[in-house]
N, C-alpha and C. Protein backbone atom coordinates (compact mmCIF):
# COMPACT_ATOMS: atom_id res chain seq x y z
N MET A 1 -51.23 -33.96 30.05
CA MET A 1 -49.96 -33.15 29.98
C MET A 1 -48.97 -33.97 29.08
N ARG A 2 -48.89 -35.06 29.17
CA ARG A 2 -48.01 -35.78 28.25
C ARG A 2 -48.49 -35.68 26.68
N ILE A 3 -49.80 -35.84 26.42
CA ILE A 3 -50.36 -35.54 25.16
C ILE A 3 -49.92 -34.17 24.60
N PHE A 4 -50.07 -33.28 25.39
CA PHE A 4 -49.81 -31.79 25.06
C PHE A 4 -48.37 -31.70 24.64
N LEU A 5 -47.45 -32.14 25.56
CA LEU A 5 -45.98 -32.29 25.31
C LEU A 5 -45.53 -32.99 24.11
N SER A 6 -46.34 -34.22 23.78
CA SER A 6 -45.87 -34.97 22.70
C SER A 6 -46.36 -34.26 21.30
N ILE A 7 -47.68 -33.53 21.27
CA ILE A 7 -48.23 -32.71 20.20
C ILE A 7 -47.23 -31.62 19.98
N PHE A 8 -46.89 -30.94 21.00
CA PHE A 8 -45.87 -29.80 20.99
C PHE A 8 -44.61 -30.23 20.52
N PHE A 9 -43.84 -31.33 20.67
CA PHE A 9 -42.48 -31.64 20.30
C PHE A 9 -42.78 -32.02 18.68
N LEU A 10 -43.93 -32.88 18.57
CA LEU A 10 -44.13 -33.18 16.89
C LEU A 10 -44.19 -31.85 16.13
N PHE A 11 -45.05 -30.78 16.87
CA PHE A 11 -45.14 -29.68 15.96
C PHE A 11 -43.73 -29.03 15.60
N ILE A 12 -42.82 -28.96 16.72
CA ILE A 12 -41.72 -28.53 16.58
C ILE A 12 -40.61 -29.26 15.67
N LEU A 13 -40.80 -30.51 15.78
CA LEU A 13 -39.98 -31.31 14.80
C LEU A 13 -40.48 -31.26 13.33
N SER A 14 -41.68 -30.96 13.19
CA SER A 14 -42.26 -31.04 11.73
C SER A 14 -41.93 -29.67 11.33
N SER A 15 -41.69 -28.50 12.05
CA SER A 15 -41.56 -27.22 11.42
C SER A 15 -39.93 -27.04 11.31
N CYS A 16 -39.27 -27.96 11.63
CA CYS A 16 -37.71 -27.81 11.52
C CYS A 16 -37.22 -28.21 10.26
N ARG A 17 -36.68 -27.18 9.58
CA ARG A 17 -36.10 -27.49 8.18
C ARG A 17 -34.62 -27.18 8.26
N GLY A 18 -33.94 -27.38 7.21
CA GLY A 18 -32.58 -26.98 7.16
C GLY A 18 -32.56 -25.58 6.63
N LEU A 19 -31.43 -25.04 6.88
CA LEU A 19 -31.42 -23.45 6.40
C LEU A 19 -31.43 -23.59 4.97
N PRO A 20 -31.98 -22.41 4.41
CA PRO A 20 -32.04 -22.36 3.03
C PRO A 20 -30.55 -22.20 2.39
N LYS A 21 -30.25 -22.79 1.30
CA LYS A 21 -29.09 -22.91 0.44
C LYS A 21 -28.71 -21.50 0.29
N SER A 22 -27.58 -21.15 0.53
CA SER A 22 -26.89 -19.92 0.26
C SER A 22 -26.60 -19.64 -1.24
N GLU A 23 -26.82 -18.53 -1.63
CA GLU A 23 -26.53 -18.16 -3.00
C GLU A 23 -25.01 -17.95 -3.10
N ALA A 24 -24.48 -17.75 -2.18
CA ALA A 24 -22.92 -17.54 -2.17
C ALA A 24 -22.26 -18.99 -1.74
N GLU A 25 -22.65 -19.99 -2.55
CA GLU A 25 -22.01 -21.27 -2.27
C GLU A 25 -20.25 -21.36 -2.45
N VAL A 26 -19.68 -22.04 -1.46
CA VAL A 26 -18.37 -22.01 -1.75
C VAL A 26 -18.01 -23.30 -2.46
N TYR A 27 -17.35 -23.00 -3.68
CA TYR A 27 -17.07 -23.93 -4.83
C TYR A 27 -15.93 -24.88 -4.20
N SER A 28 -15.85 -26.18 -4.76
CA SER A 28 -14.75 -27.17 -4.03
C SER A 28 -13.50 -26.99 -5.22
N GLU A 29 -14.01 -26.65 -6.40
CA GLU A 29 -12.78 -26.68 -7.40
C GLU A 29 -12.37 -25.30 -7.71
N PRO A 30 -11.22 -24.84 -7.76
CA PRO A 30 -10.63 -23.47 -8.08
C PRO A 30 -11.07 -23.19 -9.44
N VAL A 31 -11.35 -21.81 -9.58
CA VAL A 31 -11.83 -21.18 -10.83
C VAL A 31 -10.71 -20.27 -11.28
N SER A 32 -10.31 -20.39 -12.40
CA SER A 32 -9.31 -19.41 -12.89
C SER A 32 -10.17 -18.01 -13.17
N GLY A 33 -9.34 -17.07 -13.16
CA GLY A 33 -10.11 -15.75 -13.46
C GLY A 33 -9.08 -14.56 -12.99
N ARG A 34 -9.81 -13.48 -13.36
CA ARG A 34 -9.27 -11.96 -12.83
C ARG A 34 -10.02 -11.59 -11.63
N TRP A 35 -9.31 -10.98 -10.86
CA TRP A 35 -9.89 -10.29 -9.63
C TRP A 35 -9.41 -9.07 -9.12
N MET A 36 -10.26 -8.17 -8.53
CA MET A 36 -9.85 -7.12 -7.74
C MET A 36 -9.90 -6.87 -6.54
N VAL A 37 -9.11 -6.61 -5.58
CA VAL A 37 -9.04 -6.64 -4.09
C VAL A 37 -10.04 -5.52 -3.66
N VAL A 38 -10.97 -5.91 -2.90
CA VAL A 38 -11.94 -4.91 -2.53
C VAL A 38 -11.80 -4.70 -0.77
N ASP A 39 -11.19 -5.75 -0.19
CA ASP A 39 -11.27 -5.77 1.21
C ASP A 39 -9.74 -6.28 1.66
N TRP A 40 -8.84 -5.50 2.12
CA TRP A 40 -7.51 -5.90 2.62
C TRP A 40 -7.34 -5.35 3.94
N PRO A 41 -7.51 -6.02 4.96
CA PRO A 41 -7.30 -5.35 6.45
C PRO A 41 -6.04 -4.75 6.63
N GLU A 42 -4.89 -5.17 6.14
CA GLU A 42 -3.55 -4.93 6.15
C GLU A 42 -3.18 -3.55 5.30
N GLU A 43 -4.05 -3.09 4.54
CA GLU A 43 -3.71 -2.15 3.51
C GLU A 43 -3.13 -0.90 4.28
N MET A 44 -2.26 -0.30 3.54
CA MET A 44 -1.53 1.01 4.06
C MET A 44 -1.07 1.93 2.81
N GLY A 45 -0.82 3.00 3.09
CA GLY A 45 -0.48 3.80 2.15
C GLY A 45 -1.51 4.34 1.08
N PRO A 46 -1.11 4.81 -0.17
CA PRO A 46 -2.08 5.36 -0.89
C PRO A 46 -2.94 4.22 -1.72
N SER A 47 -4.32 4.41 -1.64
CA SER A 47 -5.27 3.35 -2.19
C SER A 47 -5.14 3.45 -3.74
N LYS A 48 -4.68 2.39 -4.38
CA LYS A 48 -4.53 2.06 -5.79
C LYS A 48 -5.11 0.83 -5.87
N GLU A 49 -5.84 0.41 -7.08
CA GLU A 49 -6.40 -0.71 -7.38
C GLU A 49 -5.31 -1.83 -7.33
N ILE A 50 -5.68 -2.98 -6.83
CA ILE A 50 -4.92 -4.28 -6.76
C ILE A 50 -5.62 -5.22 -7.48
N THR A 51 -5.13 -5.75 -8.56
CA THR A 51 -5.71 -6.94 -9.29
C THR A 51 -4.76 -8.00 -9.57
N LEU A 52 -5.47 -9.01 -9.36
CA LEU A 52 -4.76 -10.38 -9.75
C LEU A 52 -5.46 -11.20 -10.54
N GLU A 53 -4.51 -12.05 -11.07
CA GLU A 53 -5.24 -13.23 -12.15
C GLU A 53 -4.44 -14.58 -11.78
N ILE A 54 -5.38 -15.53 -11.79
CA ILE A 54 -5.09 -16.89 -11.49
C ILE A 54 -5.37 -17.68 -12.43
N ASP A 55 -4.40 -18.55 -13.01
CA ASP A 55 -4.62 -19.61 -13.80
C ASP A 55 -4.21 -20.96 -13.14
N TRP A 56 -5.27 -21.59 -12.78
CA TRP A 56 -4.95 -22.78 -11.98
C TRP A 56 -4.40 -23.76 -12.89
N GLU A 57 -4.98 -23.93 -14.03
CA GLU A 57 -4.40 -24.95 -14.92
C GLU A 57 -2.81 -24.80 -15.27
N GLN A 58 -2.37 -23.79 -15.32
CA GLN A 58 -0.94 -23.20 -15.57
C GLN A 58 -0.15 -23.31 -14.22
N GLN A 59 -0.92 -23.21 -13.08
CA GLN A 59 -0.36 -23.04 -11.80
C GLN A 59 0.34 -21.62 -11.91
N ARG A 60 -0.13 -20.47 -12.29
CA ARG A 60 0.41 -19.10 -12.24
C ARG A 60 -0.54 -18.13 -11.78
N LEU A 61 0.17 -17.34 -11.06
CA LEU A 61 -0.71 -15.95 -10.55
C LEU A 61 0.22 -14.88 -10.88
N SER A 62 -0.67 -13.90 -11.23
CA SER A 62 0.01 -12.52 -11.68
C SER A 62 -0.75 -11.46 -10.90
N ALA A 63 -0.09 -10.48 -10.52
CA ALA A 63 -0.74 -9.42 -9.64
C ALA A 63 -0.25 -8.06 -10.15
N TYR A 64 -0.91 -7.01 -9.87
CA TYR A 64 -0.65 -5.56 -10.01
C TYR A 64 -1.07 -4.68 -8.88
N ALA A 65 -0.33 -4.05 -8.11
CA ALA A 65 -0.59 -3.33 -6.95
C ALA A 65 -0.17 -1.75 -7.03
N GLY A 66 -0.06 -1.37 -8.19
CA GLY A 66 -0.14 0.22 -8.44
C GLY A 66 1.17 0.47 -9.11
N CYS A 67 2.24 -0.27 -9.05
CA CYS A 67 3.70 0.01 -9.65
C CYS A 67 4.24 -1.20 -10.50
N ASN A 68 4.44 -2.16 -9.68
CA ASN A 68 5.37 -3.36 -10.30
C ASN A 68 4.49 -4.62 -10.55
N GLN A 69 4.75 -5.26 -11.69
CA GLN A 69 4.01 -6.56 -12.11
C GLN A 69 4.67 -7.58 -11.04
N MET A 70 3.81 -8.44 -10.59
CA MET A 70 4.15 -9.58 -9.56
C MET A 70 3.70 -10.69 -10.23
N GLY A 71 4.46 -11.78 -9.94
CA GLY A 71 4.14 -13.12 -10.47
C GLY A 71 4.54 -14.37 -9.27
N ALA A 72 3.74 -15.44 -9.31
CA ALA A 72 4.14 -16.50 -8.61
C ALA A 72 3.62 -17.83 -9.06
N SER A 73 4.04 -18.86 -8.60
CA SER A 73 3.49 -20.25 -9.05
C SER A 73 2.30 -20.36 -7.87
N CYS A 74 1.46 -21.14 -8.08
CA CYS A 74 0.11 -21.42 -7.35
C CYS A 74 -0.33 -22.84 -7.43
N GLN A 75 -0.44 -23.32 -6.36
CA GLN A 75 -1.12 -24.74 -6.31
C GLN A 75 -2.23 -25.06 -5.27
N THR A 76 -3.00 -25.87 -5.54
CA THR A 76 -4.12 -26.38 -4.75
C THR A 76 -3.17 -27.34 -3.97
N THR A 77 -3.47 -27.43 -2.62
CA THR A 77 -2.87 -28.49 -1.82
C THR A 77 -3.90 -29.69 -1.34
N ASP A 78 -5.26 -29.56 -1.50
CA ASP A 78 -6.12 -30.38 -1.14
C ASP A 78 -7.43 -29.96 -1.81
N GLY A 79 -8.59 -30.80 -1.51
CA GLY A 79 -9.70 -30.54 -2.22
C GLY A 79 -10.54 -29.45 -1.26
N ARG A 80 -10.17 -29.05 -0.21
CA ARG A 80 -10.84 -28.17 0.66
C ARG A 80 -10.35 -26.84 0.72
N GLY A 81 -9.86 -26.17 -0.37
CA GLY A 81 -9.50 -24.85 -0.25
C GLY A 81 -7.99 -24.58 -0.04
N GLY A 82 -7.18 -25.54 0.37
CA GLY A 82 -5.75 -25.27 0.83
C GLY A 82 -4.90 -25.06 -0.54
N ILE A 83 -4.01 -24.15 -0.43
CA ILE A 83 -3.47 -23.51 -1.54
C ILE A 83 -1.85 -23.16 -1.01
N ARG A 84 -1.08 -23.07 -1.82
CA ARG A 84 0.46 -22.62 -1.78
C ARG A 84 0.75 -21.52 -2.99
N ILE A 85 1.02 -20.51 -2.46
CA ILE A 85 1.60 -19.34 -3.36
C ILE A 85 2.87 -19.07 -3.13
N GLY A 86 3.84 -18.99 -4.18
CA GLY A 86 5.12 -18.30 -4.02
C GLY A 86 6.24 -19.17 -4.50
N PRO A 87 7.49 -18.58 -4.30
CA PRO A 87 7.62 -17.16 -3.91
C PRO A 87 7.24 -16.27 -4.99
N VAL A 88 6.91 -14.89 -4.44
CA VAL A 88 6.48 -13.87 -5.28
C VAL A 88 7.51 -13.18 -5.88
N PHE A 89 7.78 -12.99 -7.23
CA PHE A 89 8.65 -12.04 -7.77
C PHE A 89 8.20 -10.94 -8.21
N SER A 90 8.86 -9.91 -8.61
CA SER A 90 8.24 -8.51 -8.98
C SER A 90 9.35 -7.79 -9.81
N THR A 91 8.73 -6.92 -10.82
CA THR A 91 9.66 -6.11 -11.43
C THR A 91 10.21 -5.12 -10.40
N GLU A 92 11.39 -4.39 -10.85
CA GLU A 92 11.77 -3.57 -9.81
C GLU A 92 11.84 -2.09 -10.12
N MET A 93 10.71 -1.52 -10.48
CA MET A 93 10.57 -0.05 -10.81
C MET A 93 10.37 0.56 -9.27
N PHE A 94 10.79 1.89 -9.05
CA PHE A 94 10.53 2.41 -8.01
C PHE A 94 9.36 3.57 -8.19
N CYS A 95 8.43 3.49 -7.12
CA CYS A 95 7.18 4.56 -7.17
C CYS A 95 7.11 4.96 -5.90
N GLU A 96 7.31 6.22 -5.88
CA GLU A 96 7.15 6.98 -4.56
C GLU A 96 5.84 6.62 -3.96
N GLY A 97 5.95 6.03 -2.51
CA GLY A 97 4.80 5.98 -1.77
C GLY A 97 4.20 4.55 -1.82
N LEU A 98 4.58 3.71 -2.92
CA LEU A 98 3.94 2.55 -3.22
C LEU A 98 4.76 1.34 -2.94
N MET A 99 6.01 1.37 -2.62
CA MET A 99 6.84 0.36 -2.51
C MET A 99 6.54 -0.72 -0.99
N GLN A 100 6.39 0.14 -0.03
CA GLN A 100 6.06 -0.53 1.10
C GLN A 100 4.76 -1.37 0.96
N ARG A 101 3.89 -0.72 0.32
CA ARG A 101 2.55 -1.46 0.13
C ARG A 101 2.69 -2.56 -0.62
N GLU A 102 3.49 -2.57 -1.83
CA GLU A 102 3.57 -3.66 -2.61
C GLU A 102 4.30 -4.90 -1.92
N LEU A 103 5.39 -4.56 -1.08
CA LEU A 103 6.16 -5.66 -0.36
C LEU A 103 5.21 -6.17 0.52
N LEU A 104 4.29 -5.58 0.98
CA LEU A 104 3.37 -6.08 2.15
C LEU A 104 2.36 -7.07 1.33
N PHE A 105 1.81 -6.44 0.17
CA PHE A 105 0.98 -7.36 -0.63
C PHE A 105 1.78 -8.62 -1.10
N GLN A 106 3.05 -8.56 -1.57
CA GLN A 106 3.77 -9.81 -1.86
C GLN A 106 3.80 -10.77 -0.82
N LYS A 107 4.14 -10.30 0.54
CA LYS A 107 3.93 -11.07 1.76
C LYS A 107 2.76 -11.64 2.12
N THR A 108 1.65 -10.96 1.92
CA THR A 108 0.47 -11.42 2.08
C THR A 108 -0.04 -12.66 1.13
N LEU A 109 0.41 -12.51 -0.11
CA LEU A 109 0.22 -13.59 -0.96
C LEU A 109 0.95 -14.75 -0.40
N GLU A 110 2.15 -14.77 -0.32
CA GLU A 110 3.05 -15.82 0.32
C GLU A 110 2.49 -16.46 1.68
N ARG A 111 1.98 -15.69 2.44
CA ARG A 111 1.33 -16.28 3.77
C ARG A 111 -0.06 -16.93 3.45
N SER A 112 -0.52 -16.89 2.47
CA SER A 112 -1.97 -17.39 2.10
C SER A 112 -1.86 -18.87 1.91
N ASP A 113 -2.73 -19.47 2.90
CA ASP A 113 -2.61 -21.18 2.89
C ASP A 113 -4.16 -21.67 2.70
N ARG A 114 -5.07 -20.84 2.35
CA ARG A 114 -6.41 -21.38 2.25
C ARG A 114 -7.10 -20.31 1.48
N MET A 115 -8.01 -20.79 0.51
CA MET A 115 -8.98 -19.82 -0.06
C MET A 115 -10.43 -20.32 -0.08
N GLU A 116 -11.39 -19.30 -0.24
CA GLU A 116 -12.53 -19.63 -0.47
C GLU A 116 -12.94 -18.65 -1.58
N TYR A 117 -13.93 -19.51 -2.37
CA TYR A 117 -14.48 -18.63 -3.64
C TYR A 117 -15.71 -18.87 -3.91
N THR A 118 -16.61 -18.01 -4.50
CA THR A 118 -17.80 -18.13 -4.74
C THR A 118 -17.92 -17.86 -6.15
N LYS A 119 -19.10 -17.61 -6.73
CA LYS A 119 -19.26 -17.12 -8.25
C LYS A 119 -18.72 -15.70 -8.41
N GLU A 120 -18.70 -14.90 -7.41
CA GLU A 120 -18.27 -13.41 -7.41
C GLU A 120 -17.16 -13.07 -6.59
N THR A 121 -16.64 -13.95 -5.65
CA THR A 121 -15.70 -13.43 -4.67
C THR A 121 -14.68 -14.38 -4.61
N LEU A 122 -13.44 -13.96 -4.18
CA LEU A 122 -12.48 -14.63 -3.91
C LEU A 122 -11.79 -14.33 -2.40
N ALA A 123 -11.57 -15.15 -1.56
CA ALA A 123 -11.07 -14.68 -0.31
C ALA A 123 -9.75 -15.59 0.16
N LEU A 124 -8.66 -15.04 0.43
CA LEU A 124 -7.54 -15.76 0.89
C LEU A 124 -7.28 -15.52 2.33
N PHE A 125 -6.82 -16.61 2.92
CA PHE A 125 -6.92 -16.69 4.42
C PHE A 125 -5.54 -17.26 4.79
N GLN A 126 -5.03 -16.79 6.00
CA GLN A 126 -3.82 -17.66 6.58
C GLN A 126 -4.61 -18.42 7.69
N GLY A 127 -4.78 -19.64 7.88
CA GLY A 127 -5.58 -20.26 8.79
C GLY A 127 -6.82 -19.66 8.84
N THR A 128 -7.28 -19.25 9.80
CA THR A 128 -8.80 -18.52 9.78
C THR A 128 -8.82 -17.22 9.77
N THR A 129 -7.55 -16.52 9.53
CA THR A 129 -7.55 -15.23 9.48
C THR A 129 -7.77 -14.60 7.99
N LEU A 130 -8.52 -13.86 7.74
CA LEU A 130 -8.95 -13.18 6.49
C LEU A 130 -7.58 -12.28 5.99
N LEU A 131 -7.10 -12.59 4.86
CA LEU A 131 -5.89 -11.74 4.34
C LEU A 131 -6.31 -10.77 3.41
N PHE A 132 -7.40 -11.15 2.47
CA PHE A 132 -8.14 -10.14 1.63
C PHE A 132 -9.09 -10.90 0.99
N ARG A 133 -10.04 -9.91 0.39
CA ARG A 133 -11.09 -10.51 -0.37
C ARG A 133 -10.96 -9.57 -1.69
N ALA A 134 -11.46 -10.40 -2.78
CA ALA A 134 -11.38 -9.80 -4.06
C ALA A 134 -12.80 -9.95 -4.73
N LYS A 135 -13.14 -9.21 -5.70
CA LYS A 135 -14.35 -9.52 -6.58
C LYS A 135 -13.88 -9.93 -7.86
N SER A 136 -14.75 -10.47 -8.57
CA SER A 136 -14.44 -11.21 -10.09
C SER A 136 -14.55 -9.97 -10.93
N LEU A 137 -13.62 -10.10 -11.86
CA LEU A 137 -13.59 -9.10 -12.98
C LEU A 137 -13.84 -9.85 -14.22
N LYS A 138 -15.10 -10.13 -14.58
CA LYS A 138 -15.59 -10.90 -15.72
C LYS A 138 -15.26 -10.12 -16.83
N GLU A 139 -14.71 -10.66 -17.89
CA GLU A 139 -14.41 -10.02 -19.15
C GLU A 139 -15.66 -10.16 -19.98
């Protein structure tokens, strides 16, 4: 019986391998670029395309949520995805039905304290709560 158990455990151990490396590896250094929001759990109002551009070298973020241009400073706070965005400023045009949505997006950006990004996606979080996910807009 001991021999059988020993062979069984050796078989199990030899067949154990690490999980395959994911193609969606999370990068440790931020990548500047343009992004389009594709998943925003708090979204409300008319669905308009939301885009943002982040330049980590200049520590600047700009965004457009359907009416006004927005901007903010942005910094990484550690080497593990920690970020600080804001305060967010905006032009002050009035657009029927979009103002509440834009204000909510501004507050969402300011609440962000962590990011994860891969070659194709950017996700912003507050703690462990997903605030939004965006896809890369390569030029």
